[in-house]
Amino acid sequence: MQLVIGRIGKAHGIRGELNVGIRTDEPEERFAVGAVLRTDPAERGPLTVRSQRFVSGQKLVLGFAEIADRTAAETLQGTLLVIDSDELPPIEDDDDFYDHELVGMAVSTEDGVDVGEVVDVVHGAGGDTLVVRARGERREILLPFVRDIVPVVDRATRCITVTPPDGLLEL
């Protein structure tokens, strides 16, 4: 399974550097100088990282060996940078999960009420949030990914048990 680790944004300057939206918790490793990155669409890559820097502490700017100037850089805008899920090391802590492991898991309450299916995991300053699509509906439920609300994540059965506070599922 291909996993997105970054999304190329606008060109940065005139030397072919690009802003990259980070979608990995290991940007220094994934985007290290010399790393060869696959792309989606595939015909835009692979790309070899020639430079890496953070602007304002968190904005990632990359230069690629294959891209010499701003004009060439602009053709990459919107390109996804991907890795294969098989390249990820196994997680040793039972309380940690890769996002792709959670997406697609069934969600139900302790009473067995079907809530829906995880369709995304959002990472924010306030913590992680599971985005759950209610079965047969278009609405999405946002569940804070904390032990009090999500006490059980069963990798084997691909099921998540939740204990939401009153009213959370009705919002």
Protein backbone atom coordinates (compact mmCIF):
# COMPACT_ATOMS: atom_id res chain seq x y z
CA MET A 1 0.00 0.00 0.00
CA GLN A 2 1.34 3.43 -0.91
CA LEU A 3 1.40 5.97 1.90
CA VAL A 4 1.68 9.70 1.35
CA ILE A 5 4.57 11.25 3.29
CA GLY A 6 4.41 14.68 1.68
CA ARG A 7 2.71 16.87 -0.87
CA ILE A 8 4.69 19.25 -3.05
CA GLY A 9 3.42 22.80 -2.89
CA LYS A 10 4.57 25.99 -4.55
CA ALA A 11 8.05 26.71 -5.82
CA HIS A 12 10.31 28.48 -3.31
CA GLY A 13 12.74 30.93 -4.85
CA ILE A 14 14.48 30.62 -8.23
CA ARG A 15 16.80 27.64 -7.63
CA GLY A 16 14.17 24.93 -8.05
CA GLU A 17 13.34 24.45 -4.37
CA LEU A 18 9.81 23.55 -3.35
CA ASN A 19 7.62 23.88 -0.29
CA VAL A 20 6.50 20.45 0.91
CA GLY A 21 3.53 19.73 3.13
CA ILE A 22 4.68 17.14 5.65
CA ARG A 23 2.55 14.03 6.18
CA THR A 24 4.98 11.97 8.24
CA ASP A 25 6.17 12.12 11.81
CA GLU A 26 9.79 11.60 10.69
CA PRO A 27 10.46 14.38 8.15
CA GLU A 28 14.19 14.64 8.88
CA GLU A 29 14.62 10.93 8.08
CA ARG A 30 12.14 10.59 5.21
CA PHE A 31 13.41 13.72 3.42
CA ALA A 32 17.11 13.37 4.24
CA VAL A 33 19.62 14.55 1.66
CA GLY A 34 20.22 11.66 -0.74
CA ALA A 35 16.80 10.06 -0.16
CA VAL A 36 15.13 8.85 -3.33
CA LEU A 37 11.38 9.48 -3.22
CA ARG A 38 8.68 7.89 -5.33
CA THR A 39 5.91 10.11 -6.61
CA ASP A 40 2.23 10.00 -7.43
CA PRO A 41 1.83 10.41 -10.34
CA ALA A 42 4.76 8.05 -10.88
CA GLU A 43 5.96 9.72 -14.09
CA ARG A 44 7.04 12.81 -12.10
CA GLY A 45 9.68 10.86 -10.21
CA PRO A 46 11.58 9.39 -8.65
CA LEU A 47 13.10 12.47 -7.05
CA THR A 48 16.42 12.62 -5.19
CA VAL A 49 16.63 15.07 -2.28
CA ARG A 50 19.62 17.40 -2.78
CA SER A 51 18.78 19.87 0.00
CA GLN A 52 16.51 20.06 3.01
CA ARG A 53 15.75 22.95 5.33
CA PHE A 54 13.03 24.17 7.59
CA VAL A 55 11.84 27.76 7.28
CA SER A 56 10.32 29.41 10.36
CA GLY A 57 10.97 26.20 12.29
CA GLN A 58 8.31 24.05 10.64
CA LYS A 59 7.88 24.79 6.94
CA LEU A 60 9.86 22.22 4.91
CA VAL A 61 11.70 23.35 1.76
CA LEU A 62 13.31 20.68 -0.43
CA GLY A 63 15.57 20.82 -3.44
CA PHE A 64 15.71 17.84 -5.80
CA ALA A 65 18.66 16.80 -7.94
CA GLU A 66 16.39 16.47 -10.97
CA ILE A 67 15.00 20.02 -10.65
CA ALA A 68 17.32 22.89 -11.59
CA ASP A 69 15.12 25.98 -11.65
CA ARG A 70 11.80 27.52 -10.71
CA THR A 71 10.18 26.66 -14.05
CA ALA A 72 10.91 22.95 -13.59
CA ALA A 73 9.83 23.14 -9.93
CA GLU A 74 6.44 24.60 -10.84
CA THR A 75 5.62 21.46 -12.88
CA LEU A 76 5.72 19.39 -9.66
CA GLN A 77 3.13 21.36 -7.70
CA GLY A 78 0.50 18.98 -6.29
CA THR A 79 2.70 15.89 -6.66
CA LEU A 80 2.47 13.43 -3.78
CA LEU A 81 5.62 11.92 -2.27
CA VAL A 82 4.98 8.29 -1.32
CA ILE A 83 6.50 5.23 0.31
CA ASP A 84 5.31 1.65 0.46
CA SER A 85 3.81 0.61 3.82
CA ASP A 86 6.13 -2.43 3.78
CA GLU A 87 9.08 -0.03 4.23
CA LEU A 88 7.87 1.05 7.67
CA PRO A 89 9.39 -0.57 10.72
CA PRO A 90 7.00 -2.51 12.95
CA ILE A 91 5.62 -0.59 15.91
CA GLU A 92 6.66 -2.14 19.19
CA ASP A 93 4.36 -0.14 21.50
CA ASP A 94 0.81 -1.54 21.56
CA ASP A 95 -0.54 1.98 22.10
CA ASP A 96 1.00 3.43 18.92
CA PHE A 97 -0.44 3.03 15.44
CA TYR A 98 0.31 4.05 11.90
CA ASP A 99 -2.55 6.03 10.38
CA HIS A 100 -3.01 3.46 7.60
CA GLU A 101 -3.60 0.77 10.22
CA LEU A 102 -6.52 2.74 11.68
CA VAL A 103 -8.18 3.78 8.41
CA GLY A 104 -10.85 1.26 7.48
CA MET A 105 -11.32 -0.08 11.01
CA ALA A 106 -14.88 -0.60 12.22
CA VAL A 107 -15.93 1.55 15.17
CA SER A 108 -18.57 0.53 17.73
CA THR A 109 -19.49 1.43 21.28
CA GLU A 110 -18.93 -0.86 24.26
CA ASP A 111 -22.64 -1.75 23.97
CA GLY A 112 -22.09 -3.01 20.42
CA VAL A 113 -23.74 -0.06 18.65
CA ASP A 114 -22.19 0.35 15.20
CA VAL A 115 -20.76 3.87 14.87
CA GLY A 116 -19.07 3.63 11.47
CA GLU A 117 -15.63 3.32 9.92
CA VAL A 118 -12.43 5.32 10.35
CA VAL A 119 -11.82 7.28 7.14
CA ASP A 120 -8.96 9.52 8.28
CA VAL A 121 -6.71 10.46 11.18
CA VAL A 122 -6.10 14.15 11.78
CA HIS A 123 -3.05 15.30 13.71
CA GLY A 124 -3.29 18.67 15.39
CA ALA A 125 -1.86 20.72 18.21
CA GLY A 126 -4.63 19.46 20.49
CA GLY A 127 -3.87 15.81 19.75
CA ASP A 128 -4.97 13.19 17.27
CA THR A 129 -8.55 12.82 16.06
CA LEU A 130 -10.24 9.88 14.35
CA VAL A 131 -12.58 10.85 11.53
CA VAL A 132 -15.38 8.28 11.47
CA ARG A 133 -17.97 8.08 8.70
CA ALA A 134 -21.32 6.97 10.06
CA ARG A 135 -22.57 3.86 8.24
CA GLY A 136 -24.97 4.63 5.42
CA GLU A 137 -24.62 8.37 5.99
CA ARG A 138 -22.50 11.19 4.67
CA ARG A 139 -21.82 12.73 8.05
CA GLU A 140 -18.51 12.36 9.79
CA ILE A 141 -17.92 12.09 13.52
CA LEU A 142 -14.72 13.45 15.03
CA LEU A 143 -13.48 11.36 17.94
CA PRO A 144 -10.52 12.52 20.03
CA PHE A 145 -8.01 9.66 19.95
CA VAL A 146 -7.50 9.43 23.72
CA ARG A 147 -7.74 6.37 25.95
CA ASP A 148 -10.85 7.63 27.80
CA ILE A 149 -12.83 7.76 24.54
CA VAL A 150 -10.99 5.06 22.56
CA PRO A 151 -10.06 2.36 25.08
CA VAL A 152 -9.67 -0.54 22.62
CA VAL A 153 -8.00 -0.76 19.22
CA ASP A 154 -7.81 -4.37 18.09
CA ARG A 155 -5.41 -4.82 15.17
CA ALA A 156 -6.34 -8.49 14.75
CA THR A 157 -10.08 -7.91 14.28
CA ARG A 158 -9.66 -4.38 12.82
CA CYS A 159 -12.20 -3.09 15.34
CA ILE A 160 -12.16 -0.05 17.59
CA THR A 161 -14.32 0.20 20.69
CA VAL A 162 -15.28 3.68 21.87
CA THR A 163 -16.83 5.11 25.02
CA PRO A 164 -17.88 8.58 23.87
CA PRO A 165 -19.19 11.15 26.32
CA ASP A 166 -22.93 11.81 26.16
CA GLY A 167 -23.93 13.68 23.03
CA LEU A 168 -20.66 13.28 21.11
CA LEU A 169 -22.11 10.87 18.56
CA GLU A 170 -25.22 13.01 18.06
CA LEU A 171 -23.36 16.20 17.09
